[in-house]
Amino acid sequence: MPRLFAVLLFLLVGCSGQEKQEFDSASWKKGDREIRGSMINSLETSDTLLEKTYGEVVRLLGEPDIMSSDSSDISYELYTGQDVGPFGLGGPWVFWLNVDFDSSGKVNDYHASD
């Protein structure tokens, strides 16, 4: 019985999430939402995007998945390895990297959210 519990615990906890990677512009641009998700911690804890213009952000991250009508914020889709529902049966829990620009057109904030 203890062995069964250990196996179940491993399956529920040990296999969740994904390996973290350092941010790399080329990998981000050619990667999918899962690759982007593996780099989000590295990107969020750096100043990589602060004070960048829209053009500089697009050179680093590629074209955004979503852009506001006034171009004051853009978003990139991420998957961090977390799933919705019991045992992940609800599918992937999608997050977004939101990049906000100030009135001068430079990044003043960026963060991941669901």
N, C-alpha and C. Protein backbone atom coordinates (compact mmCIF):
# COMPACT_ATOMS: atom_id res chain seq x y z
N MET A 1 0.81 -1.20 0.00
CA MET A 1 0.00 0.00 0.00
C MET A 1 0.86 1.27 0.00
N PRO A 2 1.92 1.38 0.85
CA PRO A 2 2.76 2.57 0.81
C PRO A 2 3.42 2.76 -0.56
N ARG A 3 3.76 1.66 -1.22
CA ARG A 3 4.40 1.74 -2.52
C ARG A 3 3.43 2.34 -3.55
N LEU A 4 2.17 1.91 -3.50
CA LEU A 4 1.14 2.44 -4.40
C LEU A 4 0.95 3.93 -4.17
N PHE A 5 0.93 4.34 -2.90
CA PHE A 5 0.79 5.76 -2.57
C PHE A 5 1.97 6.55 -3.14
N ALA A 6 3.18 6.03 -3.01
CA ALA A 6 4.37 6.72 -3.52
C ALA A 6 4.31 6.86 -5.04
N VAL A 7 3.87 5.83 -5.74
CA VAL A 7 3.75 5.88 -7.19
C VAL A 7 2.71 6.91 -7.60
N LEU A 8 1.56 6.91 -6.94
CA LEU A 8 0.52 7.89 -7.25
C LEU A 8 0.99 9.32 -6.99
N LEU A 9 1.68 9.52 -5.88
CA LEU A 9 2.21 10.85 -5.56
C LEU A 9 3.20 11.31 -6.63
N PHE A 10 4.07 10.42 -7.07
CA PHE A 10 5.02 10.74 -8.12
C PHE A 10 4.30 11.14 -9.41
N LEU A 11 3.28 10.38 -9.78
CA LEU A 11 2.55 10.67 -11.01
C LEU A 11 1.81 12.00 -10.94
N LEU A 12 1.29 12.33 -9.78
CA LEU A 12 0.53 13.58 -9.64
C LEU A 12 1.43 14.80 -9.50
N VAL A 13 2.54 14.67 -8.81
CA VAL A 13 3.39 15.81 -8.53
C VAL A 13 4.66 15.80 -9.37
N GLY A 14 5.30 14.67 -9.45
CA GLY A 14 6.60 14.59 -10.11
C GLY A 14 6.57 14.83 -11.60
N CYS A 15 5.45 14.63 -12.24
CA CYS A 15 5.39 14.79 -13.69
C CYS A 15 4.73 16.10 -14.11
N SER A 16 4.40 16.94 -13.15
CA SER A 16 3.74 18.19 -13.53
C SER A 16 4.77 19.28 -13.79
N GLY A 17 4.33 20.32 -14.49
CA GLY A 17 5.22 21.43 -14.77
C GLY A 17 6.16 21.11 -15.91
N GLN A 18 7.09 22.02 -16.14
CA GLN A 18 8.04 21.83 -17.21
C GLN A 18 9.38 22.41 -16.80
N GLU A 19 10.40 22.01 -17.51
CA GLU A 19 11.75 22.46 -17.21
C GLU A 19 11.90 23.93 -17.56
N LYS A 20 12.51 24.70 -16.68
CA LYS A 20 12.73 26.12 -16.90
C LYS A 20 13.96 26.33 -17.78
N GLN A 21 13.88 27.35 -18.63
CA GLN A 21 15.00 27.69 -19.52
C GLN A 21 15.32 29.17 -19.39
N GLU A 22 16.54 29.53 -19.70
CA GLU A 22 16.91 30.94 -19.78
C GLU A 22 16.28 31.53 -21.04
N PHE A 23 15.90 32.81 -20.97
CA PHE A 23 15.32 33.46 -22.13
C PHE A 23 16.34 33.53 -23.26
N ASP A 24 15.91 33.16 -24.45
CA ASP A 24 16.72 33.23 -25.66
C ASP A 24 15.80 33.71 -26.78
N SER A 25 16.11 34.85 -27.36
CA SER A 25 15.23 35.47 -28.36
C SER A 25 14.94 34.53 -29.54
N ALA A 26 15.95 33.90 -30.09
CA ALA A 26 15.75 33.02 -31.26
C ALA A 26 14.84 31.84 -30.91
N SER A 27 15.06 31.23 -29.74
CA SER A 27 14.22 30.10 -29.32
C SER A 27 12.79 30.54 -29.05
N TRP A 28 12.64 31.72 -28.44
CA TRP A 28 11.30 32.25 -28.17
C TRP A 28 10.54 32.45 -29.48
N LYS A 29 11.17 33.09 -30.45
CA LYS A 29 10.50 33.42 -31.71
C LYS A 29 10.11 32.18 -32.51
N LYS A 30 10.96 31.18 -32.52
CA LYS A 30 10.64 29.98 -33.31
C LYS A 30 9.88 28.94 -32.50
N GLY A 31 9.79 29.14 -31.19
CA GLY A 31 9.13 28.18 -30.31
C GLY A 31 7.62 28.37 -30.25
N ASP A 32 6.96 27.39 -29.65
CA ASP A 32 5.52 27.46 -29.45
C ASP A 32 5.24 28.00 -28.05
N ARG A 33 3.98 27.98 -27.64
CA ARG A 33 3.62 28.53 -26.33
C ARG A 33 4.26 27.76 -25.18
N GLU A 34 4.60 26.48 -25.39
CA GLU A 34 5.26 25.71 -24.34
C GLU A 34 6.72 26.15 -24.17
N ILE A 35 7.41 26.38 -25.27
CA ILE A 35 8.79 26.88 -25.20
C ILE A 35 8.80 28.24 -24.53
N ARG A 36 7.87 29.11 -24.94
CA ARG A 36 7.78 30.44 -24.33
C ARG A 36 7.51 30.33 -22.83
N GLY A 37 6.62 29.41 -22.45
CA GLY A 37 6.30 29.22 -21.04
C GLY A 37 7.50 28.79 -20.22
N SER A 38 8.37 28.01 -20.81
CA SER A 38 9.56 27.54 -20.08
C SER A 38 10.56 28.67 -19.84
N MET A 39 10.44 29.77 -20.60
CA MET A 39 11.37 30.90 -20.47
C MET A 39 10.80 32.07 -19.69
N ILE A 40 9.53 32.01 -19.32
CA ILE A 40 8.88 33.19 -18.76
C ILE A 40 9.49 33.64 -17.44
N ASN A 41 9.89 32.73 -16.58
CA ASN A 41 10.50 33.15 -15.31
C ASN A 41 11.77 33.94 -15.55
N SER A 42 12.59 33.48 -16.46
CA SER A 42 13.83 34.17 -16.78
C SER A 42 13.55 35.56 -17.35
N LEU A 43 12.58 35.65 -18.23
CA LEU A 43 12.25 36.93 -18.84
C LEU A 43 11.63 37.89 -17.83
N GLU A 44 10.72 37.40 -17.01
CA GLU A 44 10.04 38.26 -16.03
C GLU A 44 10.98 38.80 -14.95
N THR A 45 12.00 38.07 -14.60
CA THR A 45 12.90 38.52 -13.53
C THR A 45 14.07 39.34 -14.05
N SER A 46 14.04 39.66 -15.33
CA SER A 46 15.09 40.50 -15.92
C SER A 46 14.49 41.83 -16.34
N ASP A 47 15.33 42.73 -16.77
CA ASP A 47 14.88 44.03 -17.30
C ASP A 47 14.94 44.03 -18.83
N THR A 48 14.91 42.86 -19.43
CA THR A 48 15.12 42.71 -20.86
C THR A 48 14.22 43.60 -21.71
N LEU A 49 12.96 43.74 -21.34
CA LEU A 49 12.02 44.49 -22.16
C LEU A 49 11.81 45.94 -21.72
N LEU A 50 12.19 46.27 -20.49
CA LEU A 50 11.95 47.62 -20.00
C LEU A 50 12.60 48.68 -20.88
N GLU A 51 11.83 49.74 -21.14
CA GLU A 51 12.27 50.89 -21.93
C GLU A 51 12.47 50.58 -23.41
N LYS A 52 12.06 49.39 -23.86
CA LYS A 52 12.17 49.04 -25.28
C LYS A 52 10.97 49.61 -26.03
N THR A 53 11.16 49.93 -27.30
CA THR A 53 10.06 50.37 -28.15
C THR A 53 9.34 49.14 -28.69
N TYR A 54 8.19 49.38 -29.32
CA TYR A 54 7.43 48.29 -29.92
C TYR A 54 8.31 47.51 -30.91
N GLY A 55 9.03 48.22 -31.76
CA GLY A 55 9.89 47.57 -32.75
C GLY A 55 10.98 46.72 -32.11
N GLU A 56 11.55 47.21 -31.03
CA GLU A 56 12.59 46.45 -30.33
C GLU A 56 12.01 45.19 -29.69
N VAL A 57 10.80 45.31 -29.13
CA VAL A 57 10.14 44.14 -28.53
C VAL A 57 9.86 43.10 -29.61
N VAL A 58 9.35 43.53 -30.75
CA VAL A 58 9.05 42.59 -31.84
C VAL A 58 10.32 41.94 -32.36
N ARG A 59 11.43 42.66 -32.40
CA ARG A 59 12.70 42.05 -32.81
C ARG A 59 13.13 40.97 -31.82
N LEU A 60 12.85 41.17 -30.52
CA LEU A 60 13.21 40.18 -29.50
C LEU A 60 12.23 39.02 -29.41
N LEU A 61 10.92 39.30 -29.51
CA LEU A 61 9.90 38.29 -29.23
C LEU A 61 9.10 37.85 -30.45
N GLY A 62 9.23 38.54 -31.56
CA GLY A 62 8.41 38.25 -32.72
C GLY A 62 7.08 38.99 -32.64
N GLU A 63 6.24 38.80 -33.64
CA GLU A 63 4.94 39.46 -33.67
C GLU A 63 4.07 38.97 -32.51
N PRO A 64 3.35 39.87 -31.87
CA PRO A 64 2.49 39.46 -30.74
C PRO A 64 1.29 38.65 -31.21
N ASP A 65 0.74 37.86 -30.29
CA ASP A 65 -0.47 37.09 -30.58
C ASP A 65 -1.70 37.99 -30.51
N ILE A 66 -1.65 39.00 -29.63
CA ILE A 66 -2.77 39.93 -29.46
C ILE A 66 -2.20 41.34 -29.30
N MET A 67 -2.89 42.32 -29.89
CA MET A 67 -2.49 43.72 -29.75
C MET A 67 -3.75 44.54 -29.48
N SER A 68 -3.66 45.48 -28.54
CA SER A 68 -4.80 46.36 -28.28
C SER A 68 -5.00 47.28 -29.47
N SER A 69 -6.19 47.83 -29.59
CA SER A 69 -6.51 48.68 -30.75
C SER A 69 -5.64 49.92 -30.81
N ASP A 70 -5.19 50.42 -29.67
CA ASP A 70 -4.34 51.61 -29.68
C ASP A 70 -2.85 51.26 -29.54
N SER A 71 -2.51 49.99 -29.62
CA SER A 71 -1.12 49.49 -29.55
C SER A 71 -0.43 49.82 -28.22
N SER A 72 -1.21 50.08 -27.17
CA SER A 72 -0.60 50.40 -25.88
C SER A 72 -0.19 49.15 -25.10
N ASP A 73 -0.70 48.00 -25.52
CA ASP A 73 -0.24 46.74 -24.91
C ASP A 73 -0.38 45.60 -25.92
N ILE A 74 0.53 44.65 -25.76
CA ILE A 74 0.55 43.47 -26.63
C ILE A 74 0.70 42.24 -25.75
N SER A 75 0.33 41.08 -26.29
CA SER A 75 0.38 39.85 -25.49
C SER A 75 0.88 38.68 -26.31
N TYR A 76 1.58 37.78 -25.62
CA TYR A 76 2.11 36.54 -26.21
C TYR A 76 1.57 35.36 -25.40
N GLU A 77 1.08 34.34 -26.08
CA GLU A 77 0.51 33.17 -25.44
C GLU A 77 1.61 32.28 -24.86
N LEU A 78 1.36 31.74 -23.64
CA LEU A 78 2.32 30.89 -22.94
C LEU A 78 1.62 29.65 -22.39
N TYR A 79 2.37 28.60 -22.24
CA TYR A 79 1.89 27.43 -21.50
C TYR A 79 3.00 27.03 -20.54
N THR A 80 2.70 27.08 -19.24
CA THR A 80 3.72 26.83 -18.23
C THR A 80 3.76 25.39 -17.73
N GLY A 81 3.00 24.52 -18.37
CA GLY A 81 2.99 23.12 -17.95
C GLY A 81 1.89 22.80 -16.97
N GLN A 82 1.06 23.80 -16.63
CA GLN A 82 -0.04 23.58 -15.72
C GLN A 82 -1.31 23.30 -16.52
N ASP A 83 -2.12 22.39 -16.00
CA ASP A 83 -3.38 22.04 -16.65
C ASP A 83 -4.55 22.38 -15.75
N VAL A 84 -5.71 22.50 -16.33
CA VAL A 84 -6.93 22.86 -15.62
C VAL A 84 -7.67 21.59 -15.20
N GLY A 85 -8.31 21.66 -14.05
CA GLY A 85 -9.17 20.57 -13.62
C GLY A 85 -8.43 19.45 -12.91
N PRO A 86 -9.20 18.51 -12.36
CA PRO A 86 -8.59 17.39 -11.66
C PRO A 86 -7.74 16.55 -12.60
N PHE A 87 -6.53 16.29 -12.18
CA PHE A 87 -5.57 15.50 -12.95
C PHE A 87 -5.28 16.10 -14.33
N GLY A 88 -5.55 17.40 -14.48
CA GLY A 88 -5.27 18.06 -15.75
C GLY A 88 -6.22 17.71 -16.87
N LEU A 89 -7.37 17.14 -16.52
CA LEU A 89 -8.30 16.68 -17.55
C LEU A 89 -8.99 17.82 -18.29
N GLY A 90 -8.89 19.03 -17.75
CA GLY A 90 -9.53 20.17 -18.40
C GLY A 90 -8.71 20.80 -19.50
N GLY A 91 -7.50 20.29 -19.73
CA GLY A 91 -6.66 20.82 -20.79
C GLY A 91 -5.63 21.82 -20.25
N PRO A 92 -4.86 22.41 -21.15
CA PRO A 92 -3.80 23.32 -20.74
C PRO A 92 -4.35 24.62 -20.14
N TRP A 93 -3.67 25.10 -19.13
CA TRP A 93 -4.00 26.39 -18.51
C TRP A 93 -3.12 27.43 -19.20
N VAL A 94 -3.72 28.21 -20.06
CA VAL A 94 -2.97 29.17 -20.88
C VAL A 94 -2.73 30.46 -20.12
N PHE A 95 -1.51 30.95 -20.20
CA PHE A 95 -1.11 32.23 -19.61
C PHE A 95 -0.73 33.17 -20.75
N TRP A 96 -0.56 34.44 -20.41
CA TRP A 96 -0.18 35.45 -21.39
C TRP A 96 0.93 36.31 -20.83
N LEU A 97 1.93 36.61 -21.67
CA LEU A 97 2.90 37.64 -21.34
C LEU A 97 2.30 38.94 -21.85
N ASN A 98 1.98 39.85 -20.92
CA ASN A 98 1.41 41.14 -21.27
C ASN A 98 2.51 42.19 -21.22
N VAL A 99 2.67 42.93 -22.30
CA VAL A 99 3.69 43.97 -22.41
C VAL A 99 2.96 45.29 -22.56
N ASP A 100 3.18 46.21 -21.62
CA ASP A 100 2.50 47.50 -21.61
C ASP A 100 3.47 48.62 -21.98
N PHE A 101 3.00 49.52 -22.83
CA PHE A 101 3.80 50.66 -23.28
C PHE A 101 3.26 51.95 -22.66
N ASP A 102 4.16 52.86 -22.31
CA ASP A 102 3.74 54.16 -21.78
C ASP A 102 3.42 55.12 -22.92
N SER A 103 3.09 56.36 -22.59
CA SER A 103 2.68 57.34 -23.61
C SER A 103 3.80 57.71 -24.57
N SER A 104 5.06 57.44 -24.18
CA SER A 104 6.19 57.72 -25.08
C SER A 104 6.49 56.52 -25.98
N GLY A 105 5.72 55.42 -25.82
CA GLY A 105 5.90 54.26 -26.68
C GLY A 105 6.95 53.28 -26.22
N LYS A 106 7.35 53.39 -24.94
CA LYS A 106 8.35 52.46 -24.40
C LYS A 106 7.71 51.56 -23.35
N VAL A 107 8.26 50.35 -23.22
CA VAL A 107 7.74 49.39 -22.25
C VAL A 107 7.93 49.93 -20.84
N ASN A 108 6.82 49.99 -20.09
CA ASN A 108 6.93 50.38 -18.68
C ASN A 108 6.59 49.24 -17.73
N ASP A 109 6.02 48.14 -18.28
CA ASP A 109 5.71 46.99 -17.45
C ASP A 109 5.49 45.77 -18.34
N TYR A 110 5.86 44.61 -17.83
CA TYR A 110 5.51 43.34 -18.49
C TYR A 110 5.44 42.26 -17.43
N HIS A 111 4.45 41.38 -17.61
CA HIS A 111 4.21 40.34 -16.62
C HIS A 111 3.35 39.25 -17.24
N ALA A 112 3.42 38.07 -16.66
CA ALA A 112 2.59 36.95 -17.10
C ALA A 112 1.34 36.89 -16.23
N SER A 113 0.23 36.56 -16.87
CA SER A 113 -1.03 36.39 -16.14
C SER A 113 -1.90 35.40 -16.90
N ASP A 114 -2.91 34.91 -16.21
CA ASP A 114 -3.83 33.98 -16.88
C ASP A 114 -5.12 34.68 -17.26
